[in-house]
Amino acid sequence: MTGDLKKRALILFAVIIAAFVFLAPTVFREELGGGKWISRPISLGLDLSGGVHLVYEVEAGEAVKSSLQAKGNAIRADLRRDKVAVTRARVNDKGQLELTLLSDRFVAQTKQKVQDNYRELSFVDQRDDSGKIILVFALNELEARKIERKAITDAVETLRNRVDQFGVAEPLIQNVGENRILLQMPGVSDIESVKKVVGSVAKLEFRLVPVGEGRANGATMRDRSNAPVVVEEDVLMTGDVVSDARVAFHEGQVEVSLSFTSEGGQLFRRITSENVGRNLSIILDGVVYSSPTIRETIAGGHASISGGFTMQEAKQLAVVLRAGALPAPLKVLEERTVGPSLGKESIRNGILSIIGGFVFIVGFMIVYYKKAGVVAAGSLILNMILIMAALSAFGATLSLPGLAGLALTIGMAVDYNVLIFERIRDELRNGAARDAAVSAGFERALSAIIDSNITTLITGLILYYFGTGPIRGFAVTLTVGILTTIFAATYASRICFDYFPLQGKKGLSV
């Protein structure tokens, strides 16, 4: 064995060893599948393992209204510090901000304040309502579109955080169209629990309960028993300051314990110190869960939500609070549960088709090309090992289209061997020597192989970039298969041809 051949053989051996190392978590899933290895086990997609399929529509318009309401609350707080009496800041049915003033003396000052500090708002109208002045402002179109786009992006990230805490392996979460999100969770069967955890808005608010005459100007909400509860319109704190949420027990009752960020802890301390003796309502998604009395300053940076939870409800609430609130409500457009029995049938049929195609192709190659056909068979086996190792290295999910891609790869791979073998035959017929025939056969076939697969490779990359889950699964196996097939057919097979002679009792027949 020459030095160059020995070097190439060692490289091939190292590649094979690396492939088995990456495949180890897939083969020994229980021992190495828990993140203890450099690669992850190949997971099965929804169509193979069963699970939950949901398509959500992000109601981005609600995010615009929430943003506008937040601006209104900020404007109201700024004006109050300037001694301007603003009794109300609300978003009307047209998506416009209404500021209610006690007197027309503050109209000019209010307009100037909004113009100077909130340039994205424009003045629309002014009207008199029983002596009170209502100023109407609208958000410009560019800012509204920006908020909607951000809401969709943030919704995807929030769903991803929630699903990660749900403990699902290899979920699929991605945008579909302009304002829709596709969610697939393999191995999950309880679709209602998924919707409660994943689809809940989880908008957490802290508001004071008004006292005396303030009740007439408060906002009316409902508690968990649907009884009316009046709270102040001003939101003192939101769920943005929550750093952690856990299930806890207090006096035998299940509750959700909240931990605040450092900024949130300081804010909560100030709120409780300034409002000792008053009731502070804890509101989630517009429902008042509790309104405990503030008996003293709370400086520990903690609070709790009670309300007769079951253990399951408390766990679900803790998950969504840890992951953060959705920027806008989600509307379920499509939902279905895929049974694992269908996946098992798909796996069985897919594997049978791959094995059947492999056996037929190998049999044909051995009959037609004799011992060189054995080299082709070894090249196909090596190719399949490399594909599976690559999928494991990238932590890919194998779907039914992915199995189809594997089957297609086998058919494509044998084409490369046929091109090489026929080239070698042509050279031998033309009187070329053994080494010259092998060298010319591989070199001339390689250019044809690369040329024929550039377009396929580009197509696979385009399918992956623009496609969704199943199409991406096919694109991944197709693209990886092209690269590994070129390596196995040209590099590994060439080593065999360089090592064994073409003729003789121990040689290769072409």
Protein backbone atom coordinates (compact mmCIF):
# COMPACT_ATOMS: atom_id res chain seq x y z
CA MET A 1 0.00 0.00 0.00
CA THR A 2 1.47 3.34 -1.06
CA GLY A 3 1.78 6.25 1.32
CA ASP A 4 -0.96 8.23 -0.41
CA LEU A 5 -3.35 5.28 -0.40
CA LYS A 6 -2.62 4.60 3.25
CA LYS A 7 -3.34 8.24 4.12
CA ARG A 8 -6.66 8.19 2.26
CA ALA A 9 -7.62 4.91 3.91
CA LEU A 10 -6.91 6.37 7.35
CA ILE A 11 -9.10 9.39 6.54
CA LEU A 12 -11.91 7.07 5.45
CA PHE A 13 -11.51 5.03 8.62
CA ALA A 14 -11.64 8.21 10.74
CA VAL A 15 -14.83 9.33 8.96
CA ILE A 16 -16.47 5.97 9.64
CA ILE A 17 -15.48 6.07 13.32
CA ALA A 18 -16.83 9.64 13.61
CA ALA A 19 -20.09 8.54 11.98
CA PHE A 20 -20.58 5.78 14.55
CA VAL A 21 -19.76 8.22 17.36
CA PHE A 22 -22.49 10.60 16.15
CA LEU A 23 -24.92 7.69 15.75
CA ALA A 24 -24.33 6.40 19.29
CA PRO A 25 -27.23 8.34 20.93
CA THR A 26 -29.63 6.99 18.31
CA VAL A 27 -28.50 3.40 18.85
CA PHE A 28 -28.17 3.69 22.63
CA ARG A 29 -31.03 6.11 23.18
CA GLU A 30 -31.64 5.36 26.87
CA GLU A 31 -27.98 5.56 27.87
CA LEU A 32 -26.89 8.54 25.76
CA GLY A 33 -30.11 10.26 24.70
CA GLY A 34 -30.34 12.71 27.59
CA GLY A 35 -27.89 15.32 26.37
CA LYS A 36 -24.81 13.44 27.61
CA TRP A 37 -23.19 13.15 24.16
CA ILE A 38 -21.86 15.42 21.42
CA SER A 39 -24.89 14.62 19.24
CA ARG A 40 -28.57 13.99 19.82
CA PRO A 41 -30.66 10.96 18.88
CA ILE A 42 -32.59 11.22 15.64
CA SER A 43 -36.14 12.18 16.58
CA LEU A 44 -39.23 11.12 14.69
CA GLY A 45 -41.54 13.74 13.24
CA LEU A 46 -45.22 14.14 13.90
CA ASP A 47 -46.19 11.91 10.97
CA LEU A 48 -44.11 9.04 12.34
CA SER A 49 -44.44 9.29 16.12
CA GLY A 50 -47.89 10.89 16.38
CA GLY A 51 -48.63 14.08 18.29
CA VAL A 52 -50.42 17.43 18.16
CA HIS A 53 -50.74 19.70 15.12
CA LEU A 54 -52.00 23.25 15.63
CA VAL A 55 -52.21 26.29 13.38
CA TYR A 56 -52.69 29.62 15.19
CA GLU A 57 -53.59 33.03 13.85
CA VAL A 58 -51.96 35.93 15.69
CA GLU A 59 -54.57 38.62 16.30
CA ALA A 60 -51.94 41.31 15.77
CA GLY A 61 -54.52 44.09 15.85
CA GLU A 62 -54.93 43.45 19.58
CA ALA A 63 -51.21 44.06 20.04
CA VAL A 64 -51.68 47.47 18.44
CA LYS A 65 -54.53 48.25 20.83
CA SER A 66 -52.46 47.10 23.83
CA SER A 67 -49.56 49.26 22.75
CA LEU A 68 -51.85 52.21 22.26
CA GLN A 69 -53.40 51.68 25.70
CA ALA A 70 -49.93 51.55 27.25
CA LYS A 71 -49.08 54.86 25.59
CA GLY A 72 -52.34 56.30 26.90
CA ASN A 73 -51.51 55.22 30.45
CA ALA A 74 -48.05 56.75 30.15
CA ILE A 75 -49.47 60.03 28.79
CA ARG A 76 -52.01 60.12 31.60
CA ALA A 77 -49.27 59.62 34.21
CA ASP A 78 -47.11 62.34 32.62
CA LEU A 79 -49.99 64.81 32.53
CA ARG A 80 -50.96 64.11 36.13
CA ARG A 81 -47.41 64.95 37.18
CA ASP A 82 -47.92 68.25 35.35
CA LYS A 83 -51.12 68.84 37.38
CA VAL A 84 -53.36 68.14 34.37
CA ALA A 85 -56.52 66.30 35.42
CA VAL A 86 -56.95 63.35 33.04
CA THR A 87 -59.80 61.20 34.27
CA ARG A 88 -59.54 58.50 31.64
CA ALA A 89 -57.32 57.09 28.90
CA ARG A 90 -58.92 54.40 26.78
CA VAL A 91 -58.80 52.84 23.31
CA ASN A 92 -62.16 53.03 21.52
CA ASP A 93 -63.70 50.54 19.09
CA LYS A 94 -62.01 52.26 16.14
CA GLY A 95 -58.55 51.66 17.60
CA GLN A 96 -58.08 55.30 18.60
CA LEU A 97 -56.85 56.71 21.91
CA GLU A 98 -59.29 58.84 23.89
CA LEU A 99 -58.05 61.14 26.66
CA THR A 100 -60.78 62.55 28.91
CA LEU A 101 -60.03 65.92 30.55
CA LEU A 102 -61.98 67.58 33.35
CA SER A 103 -61.71 71.02 31.72
CA ASP A 104 -60.98 72.59 28.34
CA ARG A 105 -58.28 74.67 30.05
CA PHE A 106 -55.82 71.78 29.56
CA VAL A 107 -56.54 71.02 25.89
CA ALA A 108 -53.61 72.97 24.44
CA GLN A 109 -51.19 71.64 27.04
CA THR A 110 -52.28 68.06 26.42
CA LYS A 111 -51.95 68.36 22.64
CA GLN A 112 -48.50 69.88 22.99
CA LYS A 113 -47.42 67.10 25.38
CA VAL A 114 -48.50 64.39 22.97
CA GLN A 115 -46.93 66.17 19.99
CA ASP A 116 -43.58 66.60 21.74
CA ASN A 117 -43.21 63.14 23.28
CA TYR A 118 -45.37 60.82 21.15
CA ARG A 119 -44.79 61.74 17.52
CA GLU A 120 -46.31 58.47 16.32
CA LEU A 121 -49.71 59.78 17.51
CA SER A 122 -51.70 62.36 15.57
CA PHE A 123 -54.64 64.44 16.77
CA VAL A 124 -57.97 63.35 15.20
CA ASP A 125 -60.91 64.92 17.00
CA GLN A 126 -62.17 66.83 20.03
CA ARG A 127 -65.62 66.55 21.52
CA ASP A 128 -67.57 67.64 24.61
CA ASP A 129 -69.17 64.96 26.78
CA SER A 130 -71.29 66.43 29.57
CA GLY A 131 -68.76 69.14 30.30
CA LYS A 132 -65.75 66.83 29.99
CA ILE A 133 -63.44 67.19 27.02
CA ILE A 134 -62.41 64.09 25.05
CA LEU A 135 -59.35 64.33 22.84
CA VAL A 136 -58.95 61.59 20.22
CA PHE A 137 -55.56 60.51 18.85
CA ALA A 138 -54.66 57.89 16.25
CA LEU A 139 -51.54 55.81 15.71
CA ASN A 140 -49.89 56.28 12.31
CA GLU A 141 -50.03 53.37 9.88
CA LEU A 142 -46.28 52.76 9.78
CA GLU A 143 -46.04 52.40 13.55
CA ALA A 144 -49.09 50.11 13.62
CA ARG A 145 -47.56 47.76 11.00
CA LYS A 146 -44.30 47.73 12.94
CA ILE A 147 -46.11 46.70 16.12
CA GLU A 148 -48.01 43.96 14.28
CA ARG A 149 -44.84 42.49 12.77
CA LYS A 150 -43.11 42.52 16.13
CA ALA A 151 -46.13 40.87 17.75
CA ILE A 152 -45.93 37.95 15.33
CA THR A 153 -42.18 37.54 15.86
CA ASP A 154 -42.54 37.76 19.65
CA ALA A 155 -45.43 35.28 19.58
CA VAL A 156 -43.21 32.68 17.90
CA GLU A 157 -40.49 33.15 20.52
CA THR A 158 -42.98 33.02 23.40
CA LEU A 159 -44.50 29.81 22.05
CA ARG A 160 -41.02 28.35 21.73
CA ASN A 161 -40.25 29.20 25.36
CA ARG A 162 -43.51 27.66 26.53
CA VAL A 163 -43.07 24.49 24.49
CA ASP A 164 -39.52 24.11 25.81
CA GLN A 165 -40.87 24.18 29.36
CA PHE A 166 -43.57 21.72 28.31
CA GLY A 167 -40.78 19.16 27.84
CA VAL A 168 -41.42 18.21 24.19
CA ALA A 169 -38.56 16.86 22.12
CA GLU A 170 -37.98 18.43 18.70
CA PRO A 171 -41.13 20.58 18.34
CA LEU A 172 -41.78 22.47 15.12
CA ILE A 173 -42.69 26.15 15.55
CA GLN A 174 -42.60 28.46 12.55
CA ASN A 175 -44.41 31.22 10.69
CA VAL A 176 -46.86 30.19 7.99
CA GLY A 177 -47.93 33.05 5.77
CA GLU A 178 -48.22 36.56 7.14
CA ASN A 179 -49.77 36.12 10.58
CA ARG A 180 -50.06 32.39 11.22
CA ILE A 181 -47.95 30.05 13.33
CA LEU A 182 -47.60 26.31 12.81
CA LEU A 183 -47.00 24.25 15.95
CA GLN A 184 -46.26 20.51 15.88
CA MET A 185 -45.46 18.62 19.08
CA PRO A 186 -44.46 14.98 18.46
CA GLY A 187 -45.30 12.44 21.13
CA VAL A 188 -48.05 14.57 22.77
CA SER A 189 -51.67 13.42 22.73
CA ASP A 190 -53.54 15.79 25.09
CA ILE A 191 -54.37 18.64 22.74
CA GLU A 192 -56.49 20.51 25.32
CA SER A 193 -53.58 20.73 27.78
CA VAL A 194 -51.37 21.99 24.97
CA LYS A 195 -53.84 24.74 24.09
CA LYS A 196 -54.15 25.80 27.73
CA VAL A 197 -50.41 26.08 28.22
CA VAL A 198 -49.31 27.26 24.79
CA GLY A 199 -52.26 29.39 23.68
CA SER A 200 -52.98 31.29 26.88
CA VAL A 201 -52.17 34.99 26.57
CA ALA A 202 -50.99 35.14 30.22
CA LYS A 203 -51.32 38.93 30.49
CA LEU A 204 -50.63 39.58 34.17
CA GLU A 205 -51.63 42.91 35.77
CA PHE A 206 -51.62 44.40 39.24
CA ARG A 207 -54.29 47.06 39.91
CA LEU A 208 -55.62 48.68 43.03
CA VAL A 209 -59.26 48.35 44.07
CA PRO A 210 -60.78 51.88 44.16
CA VAL A 211 -62.28 53.24 47.35
CA GLY A 212 -65.12 55.67 47.96
CA GLU A 213 -66.23 57.71 44.94
CA GLY A 214 -63.41 56.23 42.84
CA ARG A 215 -65.51 53.12 42.22
CA ALA A 216 -67.68 55.05 39.76
CA ASN A 217 -64.70 55.68 37.49
CA GLY A 218 -63.10 52.24 37.79
CA ALA A 219 -63.04 49.37 35.29
CA THR A 220 -65.37 46.45 35.87
CA MET A 221 -63.88 42.97 35.50
CA ARG A 222 -64.92 39.47 36.51
CA ASP A 223 -63.45 37.07 39.02
CA ARG A 224 -63.20 33.31 38.52
CA SER A 225 -66.80 32.84 39.65
CA ASN A 226 -67.92 35.47 37.07
CA ALA A 227 -68.83 37.96 39.78
CA PRO A 228 -68.15 41.64 38.92
CA VAL A 229 -65.09 43.26 40.45
CA VAL A 230 -64.28 46.97 40.13
CA VAL A 231 -60.58 47.86 39.79
CA GLU A 232 -58.74 51.05 38.94
CA GLU A 233 -57.89 51.71 35.32
CA ASP A 234 -54.22 52.35 36.05
CA VAL A 235 -52.02 49.25 35.73
CA LEU A 236 -49.34 49.47 38.43
CA MET A 237 -47.34 46.40 37.38
CA THR A 238 -47.39 43.81 34.60
CA GLY A 239 -45.98 40.33 34.13
CA ASP A 240 -42.87 41.77 32.49
CA VAL A 241 -41.27 42.05 35.93
CA VAL A 242 -41.81 38.37 36.82
CA SER A 243 -38.54 36.42 36.80
CA ASP A 244 -39.90 33.07 38.00
CA ALA A 245 -43.17 31.33 38.86
CA ARG A 246 -43.53 28.12 40.85
CA VAL A 247 -46.29 26.02 42.39
CA ALA A 248 -46.48 26.48 46.16
CA PHE A 249 -48.77 25.61 49.08
CA HIS A 250 -50.14 27.98 51.70
CA GLU A 251 -52.45 26.84 54.48
CA GLY A 252 -53.26 23.71 52.51
CA GLN A 253 -54.17 25.60 49.34
CA VAL A 254 -52.38 25.42 46.00
CA GLU A 255 -51.07 28.75 44.73
CA VAL A 256 -48.54 30.14 42.29
CA SER A 257 -45.56 31.88 43.88
CA LEU A 258 -44.03 34.75 41.88
CA SER A 259 -40.50 36.10 42.04
CA PHE A 260 -39.81 39.55 40.63
CA THR A 261 -36.79 40.99 38.90
CA SER A 262 -34.73 43.49 40.90
CA GLU A 263 -36.57 46.33 39.19
CA GLY A 264 -39.89 44.60 39.77
CA GLY A 265 -39.08 44.01 43.44
CA GLN A 266 -38.38 47.70 43.96
CA LEU A 267 -41.57 48.67 42.16
CA PHE A 268 -43.64 46.20 44.19
CA ARG A 269 -42.12 47.52 47.40
CA ARG A 270 -43.04 51.09 46.46
CA ILE A 271 -46.59 50.10 45.50
CA THR A 272 -47.19 48.25 48.76
CA SER A 273 -45.58 50.94 50.93
CA GLU A 274 -47.75 53.68 49.38
CA ASN A 275 -50.99 51.73 49.60
CA VAL A 276 -51.05 50.01 53.01
CA GLY A 277 -54.62 49.13 53.93
CA ARG A 278 -55.88 48.97 50.34
CA ASN A 279 -56.66 45.94 48.22
CA LEU A 280 -54.41 45.03 45.29
CA SER A 281 -56.04 42.95 42.56
CA ILE A 282 -53.99 40.35 40.69
CA ILE A 283 -55.47 39.98 37.21
CA LEU A 284 -54.63 37.38 34.58
CA ASP A 285 -56.08 37.68 31.08
CA GLY A 286 -58.80 40.04 32.32
CA VAL A 287 -59.89 37.75 35.18
CA VAL A 288 -59.41 38.85 38.80
CA TYR A 289 -57.85 35.94 40.68
CA SER A 290 -57.47 37.59 44.06
CA SER A 291 -57.56 41.01 45.74
CA PRO A 292 -55.59 40.69 48.97
CA THR A 293 -55.28 43.56 51.44
CA ILE A 294 -51.86 45.21 51.66
CA ARG A 295 -51.13 45.03 55.39
CA GLU A 296 -47.50 46.15 55.27
CA THR A 297 -44.66 46.99 52.91
CA ILE A 298 -43.56 43.87 51.00
CA ALA A 299 -39.83 44.11 50.32
CA GLY A 300 -38.86 40.53 49.50
CA GLY A 301 -39.57 40.70 45.78
CA HIS A 302 -42.21 37.96 45.97
CA ALA A 303 -45.97 37.65 45.63
CA SER A 304 -48.46 34.86 45.13
CA ILE A 305 -51.58 34.16 43.10
CA SER A 306 -54.32 32.15 44.78
CA GLY A 307 -57.79 31.27 43.65
CA GLY A 308 -58.73 27.68 44.31
CA PHE A 309 -56.33 26.14 41.79
CA THR A 310 -55.99 22.45 41.14
CA MET A 311 -52.43 21.18 40.96
CA GLN A 312 -52.66 20.85 37.16
CA GLU A 313 -54.00 24.42 36.78
CA ALA A 314 -51.25 25.80 38.99
CA LYS A 315 -48.54 23.99 37.01
CA GLN A 316 -49.92 25.26 33.71
CA LEU A 317 -50.18 28.82 35.03
CA ALA A 318 -46.60 28.68 36.33
CA VAL A 319 -45.35 27.54 32.91
CA VAL A 320 -46.99 30.36 30.97
CA LEU A 321 -45.91 33.00 33.50
CA ARG A 322 -42.29 31.83 33.36
CA ALA A 323 -42.34 31.94 29.55
CA GLY A 324 -43.89 35.42 29.45
CA ALA A 325 -47.11 36.83 28.07
CA LEU A 326 -48.09 36.62 24.46
CA PRO A 327 -48.09 40.02 22.72
CA ALA A 328 -51.51 39.27 21.19
CA PRO A 329 -54.22 36.62 21.50
CA LEU A 330 -53.97 33.48 19.37
CA LYS A 331 -56.90 32.05 17.45
CA VAL A 332 -56.88 28.33 16.68
CA LEU A 333 -57.49 27.86 12.95
CA GLU A 334 -56.64 24.18 12.70
CA GLU A 335 -56.10 21.41 15.22
CA ARG A 336 -55.64 17.69 14.93
CA THR A 337 -54.09 14.79 16.77
CA VAL A 338 -52.05 12.25 14.81
CA GLY A 339 -52.24 8.75 16.26
CA PRO A 340 -48.99 6.82 16.87
CA SER A 341 -50.42 3.75 15.13
CA LEU A 342 -50.42 5.62 11.82
CA GLY A 343 -46.81 6.59 12.45
CA LYS A 344 -45.78 2.98 13.12
CA GLU A 345 -47.40 1.89 9.87
CA SER A 346 -45.59 4.67 8.00
CA ILE A 347 -42.27 3.69 9.56
CA ARG A 348 -42.77 0.04 8.70
CA ASN A 349 -43.73 0.77 5.10
CA GLY A 350 -40.94 3.31 4.70
CA ILE A 351 -38.27 0.97 6.02
CA LEU A 352 -39.59 -1.91 3.90
CA SER A 353 -39.44 0.26 0.79
CA ILE A 354 -35.87 1.36 1.60
CA ILE A 355 -34.73 -2.22 2.29
CA GLY A 356 -36.54 -3.53 -0.77
CA GLY A 357 -35.00 -0.92 -3.03
CA PHE A 358 -31.58 -1.50 -1.49
CA VAL A 359 -31.71 -5.29 -1.96
CA PHE A 360 -32.93 -5.02 -5.56
CA ILE A 361 -30.27 -2.46 -6.50
CA VAL A 362 -27.45 -4.36 -4.79
CA GLY A 363 -28.53 -7.60 -6.44
CA PHE A 364 -28.58 -5.98 -9.86
CA MET A 365 -25.17 -4.35 -9.37
CA ILE A 366 -23.53 -7.58 -8.23
CA VAL A 367 -25.02 -9.59 -11.12
CA TYR A 368 -24.11 -7.00 -13.74
CA TYR A 369 -20.78 -5.72 -12.42
CA LYS A 370 -19.59 -8.81 -10.56
CA LYS A 371 -17.15 -7.98 -7.75
CA ALA A 372 -17.26 -4.26 -8.52
CA GLY A 373 -20.92 -4.50 -7.64
CA VAL A 374 -19.87 -5.50 -4.12
CA VAL A 375 -17.92 -2.24 -3.91
CA ALA A 376 -21.08 -0.40 -4.97
CA ALA A 377 -23.04 -2.21 -2.25
CA GLY A 378 -20.45 -1.21 0.35
CA SER A 379 -20.63 2.36 -0.94
CA LEU A 380 -24.43 2.37 -0.47
CA ILE A 381 -24.15 1.01 3.07
CA LEU A 382 -21.51 3.60 3.95
CA ASN A 383 -23.69 6.28 2.39
CA MET A 384 -26.69 5.38 4.59
CA ILE A 385 -24.50 5.37 7.71
CA LEU A 386 -23.12 8.82 6.86
CA ILE A 387 -26.60 10.23 6.20
CA MET A 388 -27.95 9.00 9.53
CA ALA A 389 -24.82 10.26 11.33
CA ALA A 390 -25.25 13.70 9.75
CA LEU A 391 -28.90 13.83 10.81
CA SER A 392 -27.89 12.88 14.36
CA ALA A 393 -25.07 15.45 14.39
CA PHE A 394 -27.49 18.25 13.52
CA GLY A 395 -30.23 16.94 15.82
CA ALA A 396 -32.59 16.59 12.87
CA THR A 397 -36.09 15.18 12.98
CA LEU A 398 -36.88 12.33 10.60
CA SER A 399 -40.32 12.61 8.98
CA LEU A 400 -42.14 10.54 6.38
CA PRO A 401 -40.88 12.78 3.54
CA GLY A 402 -37.43 12.30 5.07
CA LEU A 403 -37.80 8.55 4.63
CA ALA A 404 -38.79 9.24 1.03
CA GLY A 405 -35.61 11.28 0.67
CA LEU A 406 -33.57 8.33 1.96
CA ALA A 407 -35.19 5.99 -0.55
CA LEU A 408 -34.51 8.47 -3.35
CA THR A 409 -30.88 8.79 -2.23
CA ILE A 410 -30.34 5.06 -2.74
CA GLY A 411 -31.56 5.29 -6.31
CA MET A 412 -29.44 8.35 -7.00
CA ALA A 413 -26.36 6.87 -5.35
CA VAL A 414 -26.24 3.84 -7.60
CA ASP A 415 -26.25 6.15 -10.65
CA TYR A 416 -22.86 7.46 -9.61
CA ASN A 417 -21.42 3.94 -9.42
CA VAL A 418 -22.86 3.09 -12.83
CA LEU A 419 -21.27 6.20 -14.36
CA ILE A 420 -17.88 5.35 -12.86
CA PHE A 421 -17.97 1.65 -13.78
CA GLU A 422 -19.04 2.32 -17.35
CA ARG A 423 -16.30 4.92 -17.74
CA ILE A 424 -13.72 2.38 -16.56
CA ARG A 425 -15.12 -0.21 -19.00
CA ASP A 426 -14.85 2.26 -21.87
CA GLU A 427 -11.23 3.01 -21.02
CA LEU A 428 -10.38 -0.70 -20.84
CA ARG A 429 -12.04 -1.33 -24.22
CA ASN A 430 -9.94 1.45 -25.68
CA GLY A 431 -6.81 -0.36 -24.53
CA ALA A 432 -5.94 1.73 -21.46
CA ALA A 433 -3.84 0.17 -18.72
CA ARG A 434 -5.38 -0.77 -15.37
CA ASP A 435 -4.31 2.32 -13.38
CA ALA A 436 -5.01 4.65 -16.28
CA ALA A 437 -8.48 3.18 -16.78
CA VAL A 438 -9.39 3.59 -13.10
CA SER A 439 -7.97 7.11 -12.94
CA ALA A 440 -9.72 8.22 -16.13
CA GLY A 441 -12.97 6.54 -15.12
CA PHE A 442 -13.21 8.31 -11.78
CA GLU A 443 -11.98 11.70 -13.03
CA ARG A 444 -14.28 11.86 -16.03
CA ALA A 445 -17.27 10.51 -14.12
CA LEU A 446 -16.70 12.98 -11.27
CA SER A 447 -17.30 16.02 -13.47
CA ALA A 448 -20.52 14.48 -14.79
CA ILE A 449 -21.63 13.58 -11.24
CA ILE A 450 -21.01 17.09 -9.91
CA ASP A 451 -22.67 18.77 -12.89
CA SER A 452 -25.76 16.59 -12.62
CA ASN A 453 -26.15 17.24 -8.89
CA ILE A 454 -25.56 20.98 -8.71
CA THR A 455 -29.14 21.67 -9.80
CA THR A 456 -30.50 19.02 -7.41
CA LEU A 457 -28.49 20.51 -4.55
CA ILE A 458 -29.73 24.02 -5.34
CA THR A 459 -33.30 22.70 -5.48
CA GLY A 460 -32.86 21.05 -2.08
CA LEU A 461 -31.55 24.28 -0.54
CA ILE A 462 -34.47 26.25 -2.00
CA LEU A 463 -36.96 23.69 -0.65
CA TYR A 464 -35.38 23.97 2.78
CA TYR A 465 -35.37 27.77 2.80
CA PHE A 466 -38.92 28.31 1.57
CA GLY A 467 -40.57 25.07 2.67
CA THR A 468 -42.41 24.11 5.84
CA GLY A 469 -41.95 21.07 8.10
CA PRO A 470 -42.53 18.02 5.82
CA ILE A 471 -40.93 19.69 2.81
CA ARG A 472 -37.94 20.72 4.90
CA GLY A 473 -37.56 17.13 6.11
CA PHE A 474 -37.35 15.93 2.53
CA ALA A 475 -34.93 18.74 1.61
CA VAL A 476 -32.59 17.94 4.50
CA THR A 477 -32.24 14.24 3.66
CA LEU A 478 -31.97 15.00 -0.07
CA THR A 479 -29.24 17.62 0.42
CA VAL A 480 -27.26 15.59 2.94
CA GLY A 481 -27.70 12.52 0.76
CA ILE A 482 -26.18 14.25 -2.27
CA LEU A 483 -23.06 15.25 -0.34
CA THR A 484 -22.54 11.88 1.37
CA THR A 485 -23.19 9.98 -1.87
CA ILE A 486 -20.52 11.91 -3.75
CA PHE A 487 -18.08 11.14 -0.93
CA ALA A 488 -18.95 7.44 -0.75
CA ALA A 489 -19.06 6.84 -4.51
CA THR A 490 -15.95 8.77 -5.48
CA TYR A 491 -13.67 8.73 -2.43
CA ALA A 492 -14.43 5.44 -0.68
CA SER A 493 -14.95 3.46 -3.89
CA ARG A 494 -11.74 4.86 -5.36
CA ILE A 495 -9.80 3.52 -2.38
CA CYS A 496 -11.20 0.03 -3.07
CA PHE A 497 -10.26 0.24 -6.75
CA ASP A 498 -6.75 1.46 -5.90
CA TYR A 499 -6.23 -1.31 -3.37
CA PHE A 500 -7.58 -4.30 -5.35
CA PRO A 501 -6.57 -5.16 -8.94
CA LEU A 502 -9.26 -5.16 -11.63
CA GLN A 503 -8.58 -8.67 -12.91
CA GLY A 504 -7.55 -12.00 -11.45
CA LYS A 505 -8.85 -14.35 -8.77
CA LYS A 506 -8.70 -11.71 -6.00
CA GLY A 507 -9.33 -8.74 -8.26
CA LEU A 508 -12.35 -6.63 -9.07
CA SER A 509 -14.40 -7.40 -12.16
CA VAL A 510 -15.97 -4.53 -14.07
